[in-house]
Protein backbone atom coordinates (compact mmCIF):
# COMPACT_ATOMS: atom_id res chain seq x y z
CA MET A 1 25.67 -33.11 6.42
CA VAL A 2 25.73 -30.14 4.02
CA VAL A 3 26.64 -26.73 5.34
CA LEU A 4 25.08 -23.37 4.69
CA VAL A 5 25.99 -19.75 5.27
CA VAL A 6 23.29 -18.36 7.49
CA ALA A 7 22.81 -15.08 9.32
CA THR A 8 19.66 -15.38 11.32
CA SER A 9 18.56 -14.87 14.89
CA THR A 10 15.55 -17.15 14.78
CA ILE A 11 14.87 -20.72 13.86
CA HIS A 12 12.52 -21.11 10.93
CA TRP A 13 10.31 -24.19 11.03
CA CYS A 14 9.97 -25.08 7.40
CA ASP A 15 11.60 -27.67 5.19
CA ALA A 16 12.31 -25.28 2.33
CA ASN A 17 13.87 -26.44 -0.91
CA ARG A 18 17.45 -25.89 0.09
CA PRO A 19 20.49 -28.07 0.74
CA LYS A 20 19.96 -30.27 3.78
CA SER A 21 22.30 -29.34 6.61
CA SER A 22 21.79 -32.35 8.86
CA GLU A 23 20.01 -35.63 9.10
CA SER A 24 16.76 -35.32 10.97
CA GLN A 25 16.33 -37.36 14.09
CA PRO A 26 14.01 -40.37 13.74
CA THR A 27 10.70 -39.80 15.47
CA ALA A 28 8.01 -42.19 16.55
CA PRO A 29 4.37 -41.87 15.49
CA ASP A 30 2.33 -39.59 17.74
CA THR A 31 -0.93 -41.53 17.54
CA SER A 32 -0.35 -44.08 20.28
CA ALA A 33 -2.17 -44.02 23.59
CA ALA A 34 1.20 -44.40 25.31
CA LEU A 35 2.46 -41.14 23.84
CA HIS A 36 -0.74 -39.37 24.84
CA ASP A 37 -0.40 -40.61 28.43
CA SER A 38 3.26 -39.64 28.48
CA ALA A 39 2.55 -36.16 27.14
CA VAL A 40 -0.04 -35.58 29.82
CA ALA A 41 2.20 -37.01 32.54
CA HIS A 42 5.06 -34.72 31.53
CA SER A 43 2.87 -31.72 30.77
CA VAL A 44 3.76 -28.20 31.86
CA VAL A 45 1.50 -25.30 32.62
CA GLY A 46 3.61 -22.27 33.43
CA PRO A 47 7.28 -21.37 32.95
CA VAL A 48 9.13 -23.44 30.34
CA THR A 49 12.51 -24.91 31.25
CA LEU A 50 14.97 -26.13 28.63
CA GLU A 51 18.71 -26.81 28.78
CA ALA A 52 21.02 -28.42 26.24
CA ALA A 53 24.73 -29.02 25.67
CA PRO A 54 27.09 -31.44 23.92
CA VAL A 55 27.41 -34.78 25.66
CA THR A 56 30.58 -35.64 23.74
CA THR A 57 34.02 -33.99 23.78
CA THR A 58 34.88 -34.76 20.15
CA ASN A 59 34.64 -32.73 16.95
CA ARG A 60 31.43 -34.59 16.11
CA PRO A 61 29.24 -33.20 18.90
CA VAL A 62 26.06 -34.92 20.02
CA ILE A 63 23.60 -32.48 21.60
CA ALA A 64 21.37 -33.64 24.45
CA GLY A 65 18.97 -31.74 26.64
CA THR A 66 16.18 -31.77 29.17
CA THR A 67 12.92 -29.84 29.28
CA ASN A 68 9.54 -29.75 30.98
CA LEU A 69 7.75 -29.47 27.64
CA PRO A 70 5.37 -32.42 27.14
CA ASP A 71 6.58 -35.65 25.61
CA GLY A 72 6.09 -35.73 21.86
CA THR A 73 6.95 -32.04 21.45
CA GLU A 74 8.98 -31.50 18.29
CA LEU A 75 12.08 -29.32 18.36
CA MET A 76 14.50 -28.09 15.72
CA LEU A 77 18.13 -27.72 16.78
CA THR A 78 20.46 -25.50 14.76
CA VAL A 79 24.23 -25.44 15.23
CA SER A 80 26.10 -22.64 13.45
CA ARG A 81 29.47 -20.90 13.27
CA LYS A 82 29.72 -17.76 11.19
CA ARG A 83 33.50 -17.77 10.90
CA SER A 84 33.55 -21.05 8.97
CA GLY A 85 30.14 -20.59 7.33
CA TYR A 86 28.74 -23.69 8.98
CA MET A 87 25.13 -24.53 9.82
CA GLY A 88 23.66 -27.91 10.71
CA GLU A 89 20.15 -28.86 11.81
CA ALA A 90 18.50 -31.78 13.56
CA LYS A 91 14.84 -32.43 14.30
CA VAL A 92 14.09 -34.23 17.55
CA ARG A 93 11.09 -35.26 19.61
CA ILE A 94 10.98 -35.14 23.40
CA LEU A 95 10.71 -38.44 25.25
CA SER A 96 10.57 -38.64 29.07
CA GLY A 97 11.56 -34.99 29.24
CA ARG A 98 14.76 -35.57 27.25
CA PHE A 99 16.08 -35.36 23.70
CA GLU A 100 19.31 -36.16 21.87
CA THR A 101 20.67 -35.66 18.35
CA LYS A 102 22.91 -37.65 16.11
CA PRO A 103 26.48 -36.31 15.74
CA PHE A 104 26.82 -32.99 13.93
CA THR A 105 29.42 -33.21 11.16
CA ASN A 106 30.63 -31.30 8.13
CA GLY A 107 29.72 -33.87 5.53
CA ASP A 108 31.99 -36.80 6.32
CA LEU A 109 34.40 -34.54 8.20
CA PRO A 110 34.41 -33.40 11.83
CA LEU A 111 33.57 -29.81 12.72
CA LEU A 112 36.39 -27.30 12.76
CA PRO A 113 37.51 -26.15 16.23
CA GLY A 114 35.88 -23.03 17.62
CA THR A 115 32.79 -21.61 19.29
CA TYR A 116 29.40 -22.63 17.89
CA ILE A 117 25.92 -21.23 18.50
CA LEU A 118 23.18 -23.67 19.44
CA GLU A 119 19.57 -22.57 18.84
CA ILE A 120 16.56 -24.68 19.75
CA GLY A 121 13.00 -23.84 18.78
CA THR A 122 9.52 -25.22 18.38
CA PRO A 123 7.28 -24.84 15.36
CA LEU A 124 4.02 -22.96 15.77
CA GLU A 125 1.65 -24.86 18.05
CA GLU A 126 -0.60 -25.98 15.17
CA PHE A 127 2.31 -27.95 13.67
CA GLN A 128 2.88 -29.98 16.83
CA PRO A 129 1.33 -33.47 17.22
CA SER A 130 -2.28 -33.32 18.35
CA VAL A 131 -1.47 -34.82 21.75
CA VAL A 132 0.99 -32.00 22.37
CA GLN A 133 -1.46 -29.33 21.20
CA SER A 134 -3.98 -30.52 23.78
CA VAL A 135 -1.45 -29.95 26.56
CA VAL A 136 0.29 -26.70 25.57
CA GLY A 137 -2.90 -24.90 24.55
CA VAL A 138 -3.73 -22.80 21.50
CA HIS A 139 -0.70 -20.67 20.55
CA TYR A 140 1.13 -22.22 23.54
CA SER A 141 -1.23 -20.30 25.83
CA ASN A 142 -0.54 -22.69 28.72
CA LEU A 143 3.16 -21.85 28.64
CA SER A 144 5.00 -18.86 30.09
CA GLY A 145 8.46 -17.61 30.94
CA PRO A 146 11.33 -15.96 29.04
CA LEU A 147 11.69 -18.86 26.58
CA VAL A 148 8.19 -18.24 25.18
CA LYS A 149 8.54 -15.74 22.33
CA HIS A 150 5.64 -13.81 20.78
CA GLY A 151 6.39 -12.71 17.23
CA PRO A 152 4.57 -11.38 14.17
CA TYR A 153 3.94 -14.91 12.88
CA GLY A 154 2.88 -16.45 16.18
CA THR A 155 4.18 -17.82 19.45
CA VAL A 156 7.08 -20.26 19.75
CA VAL A 157 9.55 -21.51 22.34
CA GLU A 158 13.18 -20.52 21.70
CA TYR A 159 16.43 -21.26 23.51
CA GLU A 160 20.00 -20.24 22.65
CA THR A 161 23.43 -21.06 24.05
CA SER A 162 26.97 -21.67 22.80
CA PHE A 163 29.58 -24.41 23.08
CA LYS A 164 33.12 -25.05 21.97
CA VAL A 165 34.44 -27.74 19.66
CA PRO A 166 37.88 -28.68 20.98
CA GLY A 167 41.10 -27.72 19.26
CA THR A 168 42.81 -24.59 18.02
CA SER A 169 40.99 -22.69 15.31
CA GLU A 170 42.95 -21.86 12.17
CA ALA A 171 41.99 -18.81 10.11
CA GLN A 172 43.09 -20.45 6.85
CA LYS A 173 40.91 -23.53 7.35
CA ASP A 174 37.96 -21.40 8.45
CA SER A 175 38.31 -19.21 5.36
CA ALA A 176 38.56 -22.21 3.03
CA ALA A 177 35.48 -23.80 4.60
CA ARG A 178 33.50 -20.59 4.31
CA ASP A 179 34.53 -20.09 0.66
CA ALA A 180 33.48 -23.66 -0.15
CA THR A 181 30.12 -23.08 1.51
CA ILE A 182 29.53 -19.82 -0.35
CA LYS A 183 30.33 -21.56 -3.65
CA GLU A 184 27.98 -24.43 -2.85
CA VAL A 185 25.11 -22.13 -1.93
CA HIS A 186 25.80 -19.98 -5.01
CA GLU A 187 25.54 -23.00 -7.30
CA TRP A 188 22.43 -24.29 -5.54
CA THR A 189 20.57 -20.97 -5.70
CA ARG A 190 21.25 -20.60 -9.40
CA LYS A 191 20.06 -24.13 -10.02
CA SER A 192 16.91 -23.28 -8.05
CA CYS A 193 16.14 -20.48 -10.52
CA LEU A 194 15.79 -23.10 -13.23
CA GLU A 195 13.07 -24.83 -11.21
CA ILE A 196 10.91 -21.75 -10.57
CA PRO A 197 8.95 -22.00 -13.86
CA ASN A 198 8.00 -25.58 -12.98
CA SER A 199 6.76 -24.41 -9.58
CA VAL A 200 4.72 -21.63 -11.21
CA GLU A 201 3.09 -24.17 -13.54
CA ARG A 202 2.21 -26.48 -10.64
CA LEU A 203 0.69 -23.66 -8.58
CA SER A 204 -1.18 -21.97 -11.42
CA GLY A 205 -2.18 -25.08 -13.32
CA GLU A 206 -1.19 -23.31 -16.52
CA LYS A 207 1.49 -24.24 -19.03
CA LEU A 208 4.13 -21.55 -19.61
CA ASP A 209 5.53 -20.97 -23.08
CA ALA A 210 9.30 -20.98 -23.64
CA ALA A 211 9.58 -17.19 -23.64
CA LYS A 212 7.79 -16.82 -20.30
CA ARG A 213 9.88 -19.57 -18.71
CA GLN A 214 13.06 -17.85 -19.83
CA GLU A 215 11.80 -14.50 -18.54
CA ILE A 216 11.17 -15.96 -15.08
CA ILE A 217 14.60 -17.62 -14.96
CA GLU A 218 16.43 -14.47 -16.08
CA SER A 219 14.56 -12.38 -13.51
CA CYS A 220 15.58 -14.78 -10.75
CA LEU A 221 19.23 -14.77 -11.84
CA LYS A 222 19.21 -10.97 -12.04
CA ASP A 223 17.93 -10.73 -8.48
CA LEU A 224 20.63 -13.13 -7.30
CA ASP A 225 23.35 -11.09 -9.00
CA ALA A 226 22.02 -7.95 -7.32
CA ASP A 227 22.03 -9.60 -3.92
CA GLU A 228 25.60 -10.86 -4.36
CA ARG A 229 26.82 -7.36 -5.20
CA LYS A 230 25.45 -5.94 -1.92
């Protein structure tokens, strides 16, 4: 699991070109009649309920939860701790009203002790499996309650809580972990600048000359330098 420095209050449902922070949970195909029957059987019309917490007491927490969202609903779980610069993600799919992740780790290492934030969210309704869309309604119109959030980009379901990884936190280890994360993200973002010209060519269908490619790269690096000075 790769870690990232993140300061965000919402969960973004997109697999952007960035370092992966966690292995995604394996999910079953959503085309079976059994899944359709299960989604309908566990369907909800009204207030959404969702609870989650670690089901292990180690420094490699496994998150499990229950919900009345229909079976097959996809969720993204994000675990983060600002002090150590950590963020990990796992994608899960609800089955029989339950879900569970693989252990969250810091690469091959356990998580540092301390308090972590757990955020759980759905994608926009149109990105859910078709069997789920038929139950929750367009823009989750069949759902209600405080967990249903209406934003500028659409309606989603969001849940947030916190939990503690056991042990005594150490400022020196937290600082070293955060510095390592910042360095990793710094190197990755600069490497990404080198790929932007290729993306422009793919989107435009036009071949860029060497001067234009260099101009795009230098502009990207300049913007990164400006952001880092803020």
